[in-house]
Structures are given as C-alpha cells and as structure tokens.
Amino acid sequence: MFFHNIIINFEIRLSLYNIFLKHLPRMVEKAFVLINTNDQTDDNILLDELKKIDGISEAYRVCGIYDILVKVEAQTMDKVSKVVNHRLKNLKNIKSTLTMVAIRNS
C-alpha cells in the first residue's frame, strides 16, 4: 500500500509538471527564405504547396527581384535547416533561394 501511494503521488506530480510545461513559452528558431521561381511557374500554386510544408509558417508573393518570401519556424536550427535544404529546395519550379537566419536578441 505504501508503494502504491508513492506511485500515485509521483504520477500526480508528473501530470502537473507536464501541464505546467505546456504553458511555458518555447523558443523557436526562424529563417526567412527569398525564392526565385521559374518563369513559367504559377506562383499561387507554388504558394499553396509551400504552405502545406510542416515548418513553413508564412508564405507571400513579393515584388522585386524575388518572387516569394517564406518564413520557416522550428524548435531547433537543425530542423529549420532540414525544412529549407530538403523540403523547400526539392520542390519543382524553384530556380534559386536566399536564406536569412533570424538571430535572437539577448
């Protein structure tokens, strides 16, 4: 009975701890990617594809020398890198990219 009470007490504390952790702000790594598309590409179709990729939080058509601006967010910079280098750059109709990593203020 004694061990049973200890286990129940531990499980209650663990549950409360997990609830507490869910409400803490999490640090998120960010990068912004400027994209040049092929001339025959419909940018709206590509935007829809980009928005479906896990890790891409925002995507916009832009005016200027680039066609699309994408915001990539993930828990670690390694995950941001995987989104950019493996998911985004492997899409058809992307001619070139320029990636800018956001630096946190300390």
C-alpha atoms as a PDB file:
ATOM      1  CA  MET A   1       0.000   0.000   0.000  1.00  0.00           C
ATOM      2  CA  PHE A   2       2.877   2.353   0.831  1.00  0.00           C
ATOM      3  CA  PHE A   3       4.469   1.961  -2.642  1.00  0.00           C
ATOM      4  CA  HIS A   4       1.076   2.352  -4.282  1.00  0.00           C
ATOM      5  CA  ASN A   5       0.660   5.773  -2.601  1.00  0.00           C
ATOM      6  CA  ILE A   6       4.152   6.816  -3.651  1.00  0.00           C
ATOM      7  CA  ILE A   7       3.457   5.869  -7.269  1.00  0.00           C
ATOM      8  CA  ILE A   8       0.130   7.742  -7.300  1.00  0.00           C
ATOM      9  CA  ASN A   9       1.777  10.803  -5.731  1.00  0.00           C
ATOM     10  CA  PHE A  10       4.534  10.658  -8.371  1.00  0.00           C
ATOM     11  CA  GLU A  11       2.004  10.360 -11.210  1.00  0.00           C
ATOM     12  CA  ILE A  12       0.058  13.373  -9.935  1.00  0.00           C
ATOM     13  CA  ARG A  13       3.222  15.474  -9.699  1.00  0.00           C
ATOM     14  CA  LEU A  14       4.315  14.380 -13.169  1.00  0.00           C
ATOM     15  CA  SER A  15       0.915  15.316 -14.618  1.00  0.00           C
ATOM     16  CA  LEU A  16       1.045  18.759 -13.007  1.00  0.00           C
ATOM     17  CA  TYR A  17       4.592  19.261 -14.275  1.00  0.00           C
ATOM     18  CA  ASN A  18       3.551  18.352 -17.840  1.00  0.00           C
ATOM     19  CA  ILE A  19       0.609  20.757 -17.666  1.00  0.00           C
ATOM     20  CA  PHE A  20       2.976  23.483 -16.456  1.00  0.00           C
ATOM     21  CA  LEU A  21       5.439  22.810 -19.311  1.00  0.00           C
ATOM     22  CA  LYS A  22       2.732  23.132 -21.960  1.00  0.00           C
ATOM     23  CA  HIS A  23       2.111  26.745 -20.935  1.00  0.00           C
ATOM     24  CA  LEU A  24       5.736  27.876 -20.934  1.00  0.00           C
ATOM     25  CA  PRO A  25       6.815  29.915 -23.951  1.00  0.00           C
ATOM     26  CA  ARG A  26       9.039  27.859 -26.219  1.00  0.00           C
ATOM     27  CA  MET A  27      11.982  29.269 -28.070  1.00  0.00           C
ATOM     28  CA  VAL A  28      11.508  28.994 -31.793  1.00  0.00           C
ATOM     29  CA  GLU A  29      14.239  29.267 -34.389  1.00  0.00           C
ATOM     30  CA  LYS A  30      13.342  31.268 -37.509  1.00  0.00           C
ATOM     31  CA  ALA A  31      14.647  31.791 -41.006  1.00  0.00           C
ATOM     32  CA  PHE A  32      13.346  33.796 -43.933  1.00  0.00           C
ATOM     33  CA  VAL A  33      13.788  32.452 -47.435  1.00  0.00           C
ATOM     34  CA  LEU A  34      13.552  34.513 -50.616  1.00  0.00           C
ATOM     35  CA  ILE A  35      12.649  32.372 -53.620  1.00  0.00           C
ATOM     36  CA  ASN A  36      13.086  32.875 -57.367  1.00  0.00           C
ATOM     37  CA  THR A  37      10.742  30.721 -59.417  1.00  0.00           C
ATOM     38  CA  ASN A  38      10.960  29.538 -62.997  1.00  0.00           C
ATOM     39  CA  ASP A  39       9.355  31.925 -65.491  1.00  0.00           C
ATOM     40  CA  GLN A  40       6.531  29.537 -66.399  1.00  0.00           C
ATOM     41  CA  THR A  41       5.607  28.859 -62.761  1.00  0.00           C
ATOM     42  CA  ASP A  42       2.219  29.860 -61.384  1.00  0.00           C
ATOM     43  CA  ASP A  43       3.300  31.439 -58.087  1.00  0.00           C
ATOM     44  CA  ASN A  44      -0.116  30.903 -56.493  1.00  0.00           C
ATOM     45  CA  ILE A  45       0.108  27.125 -56.991  1.00  0.00           C
ATOM     46  CA  LEU A  46       3.630  27.107 -55.558  1.00  0.00           C
ATOM     47  CA  LEU A  47       2.443  29.214 -52.595  1.00  0.00           C
ATOM     48  CA  ASP A  48      -0.227  26.616 -51.832  1.00  0.00           C
ATOM     49  CA  GLU A  49       2.398  23.847 -51.936  1.00  0.00           C
ATOM     50  CA  LEU A  50       4.727  25.815 -49.653  1.00  0.00           C
ATOM     51  CA  LYS A  51       2.022  26.490 -47.068  1.00  0.00           C
ATOM     52  CA  LYS A  52       1.405  22.729 -46.746  1.00  0.00           C
ATOM     53  CA  ILE A  53       5.014  22.039 -45.703  1.00  0.00           C
ATOM     54  CA  ASP A  54       5.414  21.460 -41.976  1.00  0.00           C
ATOM     55  CA  GLY A  55       7.711  24.164 -40.633  1.00  0.00           C
ATOM     56  CA  ILE A  56       6.682  26.898 -43.052  1.00  0.00           C
ATOM     57  CA  SER A  57       4.550  29.284 -41.033  1.00  0.00           C
ATOM     58  CA  GLU A  58       4.034  32.008 -43.633  1.00  0.00           C
ATOM     59  CA  ALA A  59       4.459  32.459 -47.388  1.00  0.00           C
ATOM     60  CA  TYR A  60       3.884  35.565 -49.527  1.00  0.00           C
ATOM     61  CA  ARG A  61       4.239  36.692 -53.129  1.00  0.00           C
ATOM     62  CA  VAL A  62       6.528  39.717 -53.249  1.00  0.00           C
ATOM     63  CA  CYS A  63       7.563  42.343 -55.784  1.00  0.00           C
ATOM     64  CA  GLY A  64      11.182  42.865 -56.753  1.00  0.00           C
ATOM     65  CA  ILE A  65      13.944  40.520 -57.805  1.00  0.00           C
ATOM     66  CA  TYR A  66      12.435  37.652 -55.798  1.00  0.00           C
ATOM     67  CA  ASP A  67       9.001  36.110 -56.304  1.00  0.00           C
ATOM     68  CA  ILE A  68       8.149  34.569 -52.921  1.00  0.00           C
ATOM     69  CA  LEU A  69       9.072  35.164 -49.275  1.00  0.00           C
ATOM     70  CA  VAL A  70       8.760  32.263 -46.822  1.00  0.00           C
ATOM     71  CA  LYS A  71       9.062  32.219 -43.038  1.00  0.00           C
ATOM     72  CA  VAL A  72      10.364  28.926 -41.627  1.00  0.00           C
ATOM     73  CA  GLU A  73       9.949  28.154 -37.916  1.00  0.00           C
ATOM     74  CA  ALA A  74      11.049  25.105 -35.918  1.00  0.00           C
ATOM     75  CA  GLN A  75      12.205  24.166 -32.423  1.00  0.00           C
ATOM     76  CA  THR A  76      15.858  23.816 -33.449  1.00  0.00           C
ATOM     77  CA  MET A  77      18.057  25.304 -36.138  1.00  0.00           C
ATOM     78  CA  ASP A  78      18.735  21.765 -37.363  1.00  0.00           C
ATOM     79  CA  LYS A  79      15.007  21.335 -38.086  1.00  0.00           C
ATOM     80  CA  VAL A  80      14.892  24.724 -39.822  1.00  0.00           C
ATOM     81  CA  SER A  81      17.820  23.610 -41.961  1.00  0.00           C
ATOM     82  CA  LYS A  82      16.073  20.358 -42.886  1.00  0.00           C
ATOM     83  CA  VAL A  83      12.949  22.234 -43.988  1.00  0.00           C
ATOM     84  CA  VAL A  84      14.993  24.597 -46.155  1.00  0.00           C
ATOM     85  CA  ASN A  85      17.515  22.147 -47.584  1.00  0.00           C
ATOM     86  CA  HIS A  86      15.392  19.027 -48.008  1.00  0.00           C
ATOM     87  CA  ARG A  87      11.752  20.056 -48.298  1.00  0.00           C
ATOM     88  CA  LEU A  88      11.809  23.509 -49.840  1.00  0.00           C
ATOM     89  CA  LYS A  89      14.718  23.258 -52.266  1.00  0.00           C
ATOM     90  CA  ASN A  90      13.460  19.954 -53.684  1.00  0.00           C
ATOM     91  CA  LEU A  91      10.224  21.481 -54.941  1.00  0.00           C
ATOM     92  CA  LYS A  92       9.854  21.793 -58.681  1.00  0.00           C
ATOM     93  CA  ASN A  93       9.836  25.271 -60.216  1.00  0.00           C
ATOM     94  CA  ILE A  94      12.187  26.830 -57.653  1.00  0.00           C
ATOM     95  CA  LYS A  95      15.123  28.321 -59.524  1.00  0.00           C
ATOM     96  CA  SER A  96      17.092  29.748 -56.592  1.00  0.00           C
ATOM     97  CA  THR A  97      16.801  30.727 -52.931  1.00  0.00           C
ATOM     98  CA  LEU A  98      18.402  33.100 -50.467  1.00  0.00           C
ATOM     99  CA  THR A  99      18.104  32.094 -46.803  1.00  0.00           C
ATOM    100  CA  MET A 100      18.463  34.544 -43.916  1.00  0.00           C
ATOM    101  CA  VAL A 101      18.576  33.166 -40.390  1.00  0.00           C
ATOM    102  CA  ALA A 102      16.977  35.305 -37.685  1.00  0.00           C
ATOM    103  CA  ILE A 103      19.256  36.000 -34.712  1.00  0.00           C
ATOM    104  CA  ARG A 104      17.685  36.265 -31.270  1.00  0.00           C
ATOM    105  CA  ASN A 105      18.282  39.388 -29.222  1.00  0.00           C
ATOM    106  CA  SER A 106      19.968  38.586 -25.924  1.00  0.00           C
END
